[in-house]
Amino acid sequence: MNIFRRLLLPAILCVGAAVVLQGCQTLREIAALRSVDFALDRVTDAELAGVELERIRSYRDLRTTDVARIGAAVASGELPLSFELIVAARNPEENRVQARMVRMAWTMLIEDRETISGVVDETFTLPPGELRNIPVAVRLDLVEFFDANLRDLVELAVSATGQGGEPTTIKLEAVPTIDTPLGAIEYPEPITIVHRQLGGAAAGT
């Protein structure tokens, strides 16, 4: 029995040490993700009711066919706006710890109004000192969230996607999940990701 105890004790200590080391590594990875700088960088492939917004800076830039298409959508009770929102994630070089994000749940706010929610279900490795782009596919019905006339809805869409007009406040309330030696761990509370150079006069800068 004494021999068994002598053999068992080192094994328990080794397992305990491994758990502690894994726990420390997990804490380091969580701390690394906490210090990752997330920001809304830009919008690509923006469409409003099937009208490409890349060439549109204001309502005045719409062609007759564009107005007809968007007007028909509004008359039917919906105005779909779709785009890809690029979230820039930078893990500071001084972190010295790689962060590995495996999932990110998000909710979009436009002018502080909560709109749609979604999930980025993809793995992104964030090495120290490097920038990673995280694409977020967005599709929402402007009529569902904003009570405005056709012109104002177009101006909102143009501004929100960074094409022109007055700046619009866009935020993502996000909950990242990171992979750790102890398994996937969801961030304990949402982080707010805001734009740097997105919307209105900042477009194209």
C-alpha atoms as a PDB file:
ATOM      1  CA  MET A   1       0.000   0.000   0.000  1.00  0.00           C
ATOM      2  CA  ASN A   2       2.814   2.396   0.854  1.00  0.00           C
ATOM      3  CA  ILE A   3       4.494   1.614  -2.483  1.00  0.00           C
ATOM      4  CA  PHE A   4       1.184   2.302  -4.259  1.00  0.00           C
ATOM      5  CA  ARG A   5       0.882   5.643  -2.485  1.00  0.00           C
ATOM      6  CA  ARG A   6       4.443   6.569  -3.357  1.00  0.00           C
ATOM      7  CA  LEU A   7       3.729   5.841  -7.030  1.00  0.00           C
ATOM      8  CA  LEU A   8       0.342   7.499  -7.010  1.00  0.00           C
ATOM      9  CA  LEU A   9       1.401  10.777  -5.407  1.00  0.00           C
ATOM     10  CA  PRO A  10       3.826  11.847  -8.186  1.00  0.00           C
ATOM     11  CA  ALA A  11       1.213  10.956 -10.791  1.00  0.00           C
ATOM     12  CA  ILE A  12      -1.371  13.122  -9.039  1.00  0.00           C
ATOM     13  CA  LEU A  13       1.131  15.945  -8.768  1.00  0.00           C
ATOM     14  CA  CYS A  14       1.964  15.685 -12.482  1.00  0.00           C
ATOM     15  CA  VAL A  15      -1.710  15.729 -13.452  1.00  0.00           C
ATOM     16  CA  GLY A  16      -2.304  18.650 -11.124  1.00  0.00           C
ATOM     17  CA  ALA A  17       0.644  20.527 -12.580  1.00  0.00           C
ATOM     18  CA  ALA A  18      -0.630  19.880 -16.103  1.00  0.00           C
ATOM     19  CA  VAL A  19      -4.062  21.194 -15.189  1.00  0.00           C
ATOM     20  CA  VAL A  20      -2.501  24.287 -13.621  1.00  0.00           C
ATOM     21  CA  LEU A  21      -0.347  24.863 -16.708  1.00  0.00           C
ATOM     22  CA  GLN A  22      -3.341  24.439 -18.983  1.00  0.00           C
ATOM     23  CA  GLY A  23      -5.301  26.823 -16.791  1.00  0.00           C
ATOM     24  CA  CYS A  24      -2.503  29.396 -16.972  1.00  0.00           C
ATOM     25  CA  GLN A  25      -2.343  29.036 -20.756  1.00  0.00           C
ATOM     26  CA  THR A  26      -6.108  29.473 -20.956  1.00  0.00           C
ATOM     27  CA  LEU A  27      -5.940  32.609 -18.835  1.00  0.00           C
ATOM     28  CA  ARG A  28      -3.163  33.964 -21.051  1.00  0.00           C
ATOM     29  CA  GLU A  29      -5.243  33.345 -24.184  1.00  0.00           C
ATOM     30  CA  ILE A  30      -8.306  34.978 -22.639  1.00  0.00           C
ATOM     31  CA  ALA A  31      -6.161  37.948 -21.624  1.00  0.00           C
ATOM     32  CA  ALA A  32      -4.754  38.077 -25.158  1.00  0.00           C
ATOM     33  CA  LEU A  33      -8.227  38.221 -26.679  1.00  0.00           C
ATOM     34  CA  ARG A  34      -9.219  40.941 -24.225  1.00  0.00           C
ATOM     35  CA  SER A  35      -6.440  43.142 -25.545  1.00  0.00           C
ATOM     36  CA  VAL A  36      -7.126  42.445 -29.241  1.00  0.00           C
ATOM     37  CA  ASP A  37      -8.210  45.658 -30.947  1.00  0.00           C
ATOM     38  CA  PHE A  38     -11.442  45.098 -32.906  1.00  0.00           C
ATOM     39  CA  ALA A  39     -12.795  47.814 -35.205  1.00  0.00           C
ATOM     40  CA  LEU A  40     -15.289  48.105 -38.067  1.00  0.00           C
ATOM     41  CA  ASP A  41     -12.991  48.768 -40.994  1.00  0.00           C
ATOM     42  CA  ARG A  42     -15.025  48.925 -44.195  1.00  0.00           C
ATOM     43  CA  VAL A  43     -18.035  47.682 -46.145  1.00  0.00           C
ATOM     44  CA  THR A  44     -17.966  45.753 -49.416  1.00  0.00           C
ATOM     45  CA  ASP A  45     -20.598  44.451 -51.865  1.00  0.00           C
ATOM     46  CA  ALA A  46     -23.359  46.747 -50.608  1.00  0.00           C
ATOM     47  CA  GLU A  47     -26.750  46.398 -52.304  1.00  0.00           C
ATOM     48  CA  LEU A  48     -30.111  48.026 -51.604  1.00  0.00           C
ATOM     49  CA  ALA A  49     -33.047  46.072 -53.054  1.00  0.00           C
ATOM     50  CA  GLY A  50     -30.639  44.694 -55.657  1.00  0.00           C
ATOM     51  CA  VAL A  51     -29.163  48.095 -56.559  1.00  0.00           C
ATOM     52  CA  GLU A  52     -25.385  48.190 -56.168  1.00  0.00           C
ATOM     53  CA  LEU A  53     -24.401  51.096 -53.905  1.00  0.00           C
ATOM     54  CA  GLU A  54     -20.739  51.374 -54.918  1.00  0.00           C
ATOM     55  CA  ARG A  55     -21.535  54.155 -57.402  1.00  0.00           C
ATOM     56  CA  ILE A  56     -24.153  55.847 -55.193  1.00  0.00           C
ATOM     57  CA  ARG A  57     -23.146  58.776 -52.989  1.00  0.00           C
ATOM     58  CA  SER A  58     -26.629  60.191 -52.369  1.00  0.00           C
ATOM     59  CA  TYR A  59     -30.239  59.833 -53.489  1.00  0.00           C
ATOM     60  CA  ARG A  60     -29.491  62.147 -56.439  1.00  0.00           C
ATOM     61  CA  ASP A  61     -27.150  59.522 -57.927  1.00  0.00           C
ATOM     62  CA  LEU A  62     -29.962  57.010 -58.417  1.00  0.00           C
ATOM     63  CA  ARG A  63     -31.050  56.232 -61.933  1.00  0.00           C
ATOM     64  CA  THR A  64     -34.712  56.122 -62.856  1.00  0.00           C
ATOM     65  CA  THR A  65     -34.574  52.339 -62.926  1.00  0.00           C
ATOM     66  CA  ASP A  66     -32.928  52.338 -59.460  1.00  0.00           C
ATOM     67  CA  VAL A  67     -35.690  54.509 -58.006  1.00  0.00           C
ATOM     68  CA  ALA A  68     -38.313  52.255 -59.568  1.00  0.00           C
ATOM     69  CA  ARG A  69     -36.728  49.111 -58.147  1.00  0.00           C
ATOM     70  CA  ILE A  70     -36.240  50.547 -54.651  1.00  0.00           C
ATOM     71  CA  GLY A  71     -39.688  52.135 -54.693  1.00  0.00           C
ATOM     72  CA  ALA A  72     -41.282  48.815 -55.651  1.00  0.00           C
ATOM     73  CA  ALA A  73     -39.494  47.139 -52.740  1.00  0.00           C
ATOM     74  CA  VAL A  74     -40.732  49.774 -50.266  1.00  0.00           C
ATOM     75  CA  ALA A  75     -44.271  49.494 -51.680  1.00  0.00           C
ATOM     76  CA  SER A  76     -44.136  45.762 -51.007  1.00  0.00           C
ATOM     77  CA  GLY A  77     -43.298  46.501 -47.360  1.00  0.00           C
ATOM     78  CA  GLU A  78     -39.588  45.746 -47.289  1.00  0.00           C
ATOM     79  CA  LEU A  79     -36.248  47.265 -48.267  1.00  0.00           C
ATOM     80  CA  PRO A  80     -33.438  44.698 -48.065  1.00  0.00           C
ATOM     81  CA  LEU A  81     -29.947  46.059 -47.467  1.00  0.00           C
ATOM     82  CA  SER A  82     -27.077  43.586 -47.762  1.00  0.00           C
ATOM     83  CA  PHE A  83     -23.335  44.003 -47.453  1.00  0.00           C
ATOM     84  CA  GLU A  84     -20.190  42.449 -46.077  1.00  0.00           C
ATOM     85  CA  LEU A  85     -18.833  44.231 -43.031  1.00  0.00           C
ATOM     86  CA  ILE A  86     -15.106  43.805 -42.512  1.00  0.00           C
ATOM     87  CA  VAL A  87     -14.047  43.718 -38.861  1.00  0.00           C
ATOM     88  CA  ALA A  88     -10.334  44.379 -38.429  1.00  0.00           C
ATOM     89  CA  ALA A  89      -8.741  42.511 -35.516  1.00  0.00           C
ATOM     90  CA  ARG A  90      -5.225  43.358 -34.390  1.00  0.00           C
ATOM     91  CA  ASN A  91      -3.471  41.404 -31.658  1.00  0.00           C
ATOM     92  CA  PRO A  92      -0.845  43.773 -30.168  1.00  0.00           C
ATOM     93  CA  GLU A  93       2.749  42.667 -30.672  1.00  0.00           C
ATOM     94  CA  GLU A  94       3.475  43.038 -26.973  1.00  0.00           C
ATOM     95  CA  ASN A  95       0.903  40.314 -26.210  1.00  0.00           C
ATOM     96  CA  ARG A  96       3.342  37.540 -27.253  1.00  0.00           C
ATOM     97  CA  VAL A  97       0.388  35.166 -27.085  1.00  0.00           C
ATOM     98  CA  GLN A  98      -1.596  33.977 -30.075  1.00  0.00           C
ATOM     99  CA  ALA A  99      -5.363  34.267 -29.799  1.00  0.00           C
ATOM    100  CA  ARG A 100      -7.576  31.783 -31.653  1.00  0.00           C
ATOM    101  CA  MET A 101     -11.168  32.870 -32.160  1.00  0.00           C
ATOM    102  CA  VAL A 102     -13.505  30.060 -33.229  1.00  0.00           C
ATOM    103  CA  ARG A 103     -16.848  31.871 -33.142  1.00  0.00           C
ATOM    104  CA  MET A 104     -18.299  35.355 -32.758  1.00  0.00           C
ATOM    105  CA  ALA A 105     -21.939  36.091 -31.998  1.00  0.00           C
ATOM    106  CA  TRP A 106     -22.946  39.658 -32.859  1.00  0.00           C
ATOM    107  CA  THR A 107     -25.770  42.181 -32.818  1.00  0.00           C
ATOM    108  CA  MET A 108     -25.715  45.249 -35.051  1.00  0.00           C
ATOM    109  CA  LEU A 109     -26.785  48.690 -33.858  1.00  0.00           C
ATOM    110  CA  ILE A 110     -27.454  51.526 -36.305  1.00  0.00           C
ATOM    111  CA  GLU A 111     -27.811  54.955 -34.723  1.00  0.00           C
ATOM    112  CA  ASP A 112     -27.955  53.100 -31.367  1.00  0.00           C
ATOM    113  CA  ARG A 113     -30.986  51.137 -32.554  1.00  0.00           C
ATOM    114  CA  GLU A 114     -30.648  47.372 -32.208  1.00  0.00           C
ATOM    115  CA  THR A 115     -31.294  45.632 -35.520  1.00  0.00           C
ATOM    116  CA  ILE A 116     -30.232  42.121 -36.500  1.00  0.00           C
ATOM    117  CA  SER A 117     -28.076  39.458 -34.898  1.00  0.00           C
ATOM    118  CA  GLY A 118     -25.883  36.746 -36.348  1.00  0.00           C
ATOM    119  CA  VAL A 119     -22.896  34.479 -35.842  1.00  0.00           C
ATOM    120  CA  VAL A 120     -19.502  34.257 -37.522  1.00  0.00           C
ATOM    121  CA  ASP A 121     -18.926  30.509 -37.289  1.00  0.00           C
ATOM    122  CA  GLU A 122     -15.339  30.378 -38.529  1.00  0.00           C
ATOM    123  CA  THR A 123     -11.899  30.079 -36.957  1.00  0.00           C
ATOM    124  CA  PHE A 124      -9.490  33.011 -37.058  1.00  0.00           C
ATOM    125  CA  THR A 125      -5.955  32.832 -35.691  1.00  0.00           C
ATOM    126  CA  LEU A 126      -4.700  36.169 -34.379  1.00  0.00           C
ATOM    127  CA  PRO A 127      -0.896  36.153 -34.071  1.00  0.00           C
ATOM    128  CA  PRO A 128       0.770  38.937 -32.072  1.00  0.00           C
ATOM    129  CA  GLY A 129       1.497  42.049 -34.138  1.00  0.00           C
ATOM    130  CA  GLU A 130      -0.628  41.020 -37.135  1.00  0.00           C
ATOM    131  CA  LEU A 131      -3.917  42.292 -38.555  1.00  0.00           C
ATOM    132  CA  ARG A 132      -6.711  39.907 -39.508  1.00  0.00           C
ATOM    133  CA  ASN A 133      -9.895  40.735 -41.409  1.00  0.00           C
ATOM    134  CA  ILE A 134     -13.078  39.076 -40.176  1.00  0.00           C
ATOM    135  CA  PRO A 135     -15.920  39.277 -42.739  1.00  0.00           C
ATOM    136  CA  VAL A 136     -19.436  39.607 -41.346  1.00  0.00           C
ATOM    137  CA  ALA A 137     -22.306  38.969 -43.773  1.00  0.00           C
ATOM    138  CA  VAL A 138     -25.154  41.414 -43.080  1.00  0.00           C
ATOM    139  CA  ARG A 139     -28.672  41.440 -44.483  1.00  0.00           C
ATOM    140  CA  LEU A 140     -31.437  43.476 -42.916  1.00  0.00           C
ATOM    141  CA  ASP A 141     -34.776  45.026 -43.845  1.00  0.00           C
ATOM    142  CA  LEU A 142     -34.545  48.781 -43.300  1.00  0.00           C
ATOM    143  CA  VAL A 143     -38.336  49.160 -43.298  1.00  0.00           C
ATOM    144  CA  GLU A 144     -38.534  46.819 -40.309  1.00  0.00           C
ATOM    145  CA  PHE A 145     -36.343  49.061 -38.163  1.00  0.00           C
ATOM    146  CA  PHE A 146     -36.698  52.592 -39.568  1.00  0.00           C
ATOM    147  CA  ASP A 147     -39.876  54.568 -40.236  1.00  0.00           C
ATOM    148  CA  ALA A 148     -38.803  56.982 -42.981  1.00  0.00           C
ATOM    149  CA  ASN A 149     -39.612  57.962 -46.558  1.00  0.00           C
ATOM    150  CA  LEU A 150     -37.885  56.531 -49.619  1.00  0.00           C
ATOM    151  CA  ARG A 151     -35.278  59.272 -49.926  1.00  0.00           C
ATOM    152  CA  ASP A 152     -34.303  59.098 -46.248  1.00  0.00           C
ATOM    153  CA  LEU A 153     -34.015  55.308 -46.348  1.00  0.00           C
ATOM    154  CA  VAL A 154     -31.706  55.531 -49.353  1.00  0.00           C
ATOM    155  CA  GLU A 155     -29.576  58.175 -47.635  1.00  0.00           C
ATOM    156  CA  LEU A 156     -29.409  55.989 -44.520  1.00  0.00           C
ATOM    157  CA  ALA A 157     -28.295  52.978 -46.551  1.00  0.00           C
ATOM    158  CA  VAL A 158     -25.665  55.005 -48.410  1.00  0.00           C
ATOM    159  CA  SER A 159     -24.291  56.464 -45.186  1.00  0.00           C
ATOM    160  CA  ALA A 160     -24.418  53.233 -43.182  1.00  0.00           C
ATOM    161  CA  THR A 161     -22.406  51.410 -45.847  1.00  0.00           C
ATOM    162  CA  GLY A 162     -19.781  54.153 -46.022  1.00  0.00           C
ATOM    163  CA  GLN A 163     -20.632  55.409 -49.503  1.00  0.00           C
ATOM    164  CA  GLY A 164     -21.411  59.042 -48.627  1.00  0.00           C
ATOM    165  CA  GLY A 165     -23.885  61.351 -46.896  1.00  0.00           C
ATOM    166  CA  GLU A 166     -23.832  62.240 -43.235  1.00  0.00           C
ATOM    167  CA  PRO A 167     -21.877  59.899 -40.920  1.00  0.00           C
ATOM    168  CA  THR A 168     -23.966  57.132 -39.373  1.00  0.00           C
ATOM    169  CA  THR A 169     -23.092  55.435 -36.094  1.00  0.00           C
ATOM    170  CA  ILE A 170     -22.696  51.693 -36.528  1.00  0.00           C
ATOM    171  CA  LYS A 171     -21.721  49.306 -33.743  1.00  0.00           C
ATOM    172  CA  LEU A 172     -21.435  45.589 -33.223  1.00  0.00           C
ATOM    173  CA  GLU A 173     -22.101  44.125 -29.803  1.00  0.00           C
ATOM    174  CA  ALA A 174     -19.996  40.979 -30.110  1.00  0.00           C
ATOM    175  CA  VAL A 175     -19.310  37.911 -27.982  1.00  0.00           C
ATOM    176  CA  PRO A 176     -16.204  36.083 -29.245  1.00  0.00           C
ATOM    177  CA  THR A 177     -15.455  32.470 -28.363  1.00  0.00           C
ATOM    178  CA  ILE A 178     -11.823  31.347 -28.162  1.00  0.00           C
ATOM    179  CA  ASP A 179     -10.223  27.934 -28.339  1.00  0.00           C
ATOM    180  CA  THR A 180      -8.102  27.039 -25.327  1.00  0.00           C
ATOM    181  CA  PRO A 181      -6.365  23.904 -24.009  1.00  0.00           C
ATOM    182  CA  LEU A 182      -9.421  23.410 -21.798  1.00  0.00           C
ATOM    183  CA  GLY A 183     -11.890  23.755 -24.692  1.00  0.00           C
ATOM    184  CA  ALA A 184     -13.868  26.584 -26.258  1.00  0.00           C
ATOM    185  CA  ILE A 185     -14.602  29.453 -23.876  1.00  0.00           C
ATOM    186  CA  GLU A 186     -17.117  32.203 -24.601  1.00  0.00           C
ATOM    187  CA  TYR A 187     -16.089  35.735 -23.744  1.00  0.00           C
ATOM    188  CA  PRO A 188     -17.666  36.577 -20.367  1.00  0.00           C
ATOM    189  CA  GLU A 189     -19.364  39.770 -21.570  1.00  0.00           C
ATOM    190  CA  PRO A 190     -20.045  41.487 -24.920  1.00  0.00           C
ATOM    191  CA  ILE A 191     -17.528  43.873 -26.424  1.00  0.00           C
ATOM    192  CA  THR A 192     -18.576  46.906 -28.436  1.00  0.00           C
ATOM    193  CA  ILE A 193     -16.900  47.180 -31.832  1.00  0.00           C
ATOM    194  CA  VAL A 194     -17.190  50.604 -33.440  1.00  0.00           C
ATOM    195  CA  HIS A 195     -16.093  52.138 -36.727  1.00  0.00           C
ATOM    196  CA  ARG A 196     -12.895  54.093 -37.326  1.00  0.00           C
ATOM    197  CA  GLN A 197     -13.384  55.433 -40.842  1.00  0.00           C
ATOM    198  CA  LEU A 198     -16.819  54.173 -41.781  1.00  0.00           C
ATOM    199  CA  GLY A 199     -19.753  56.209 -42.994  1.00  0.00           C
ATOM    200  CA  GLY A 200     -20.419  59.610 -44.454  1.00  0.00           C
ATOM    201  CA  ALA A 201     -17.497  61.893 -45.251  1.00  0.00           C
ATOM    202  CA  ALA A 202     -15.026  59.267 -43.995  1.00  0.00           C
ATOM    203  CA  ALA A 203     -15.782  57.005 -46.940  1.00  0.00           C
ATOM    204  CA  GLY A 204     -12.814  56.411 -49.142  1.00  0.00           C
ATOM    205  CA  THR A 205     -10.299  57.846 -46.656  1.00  0.00           C
END
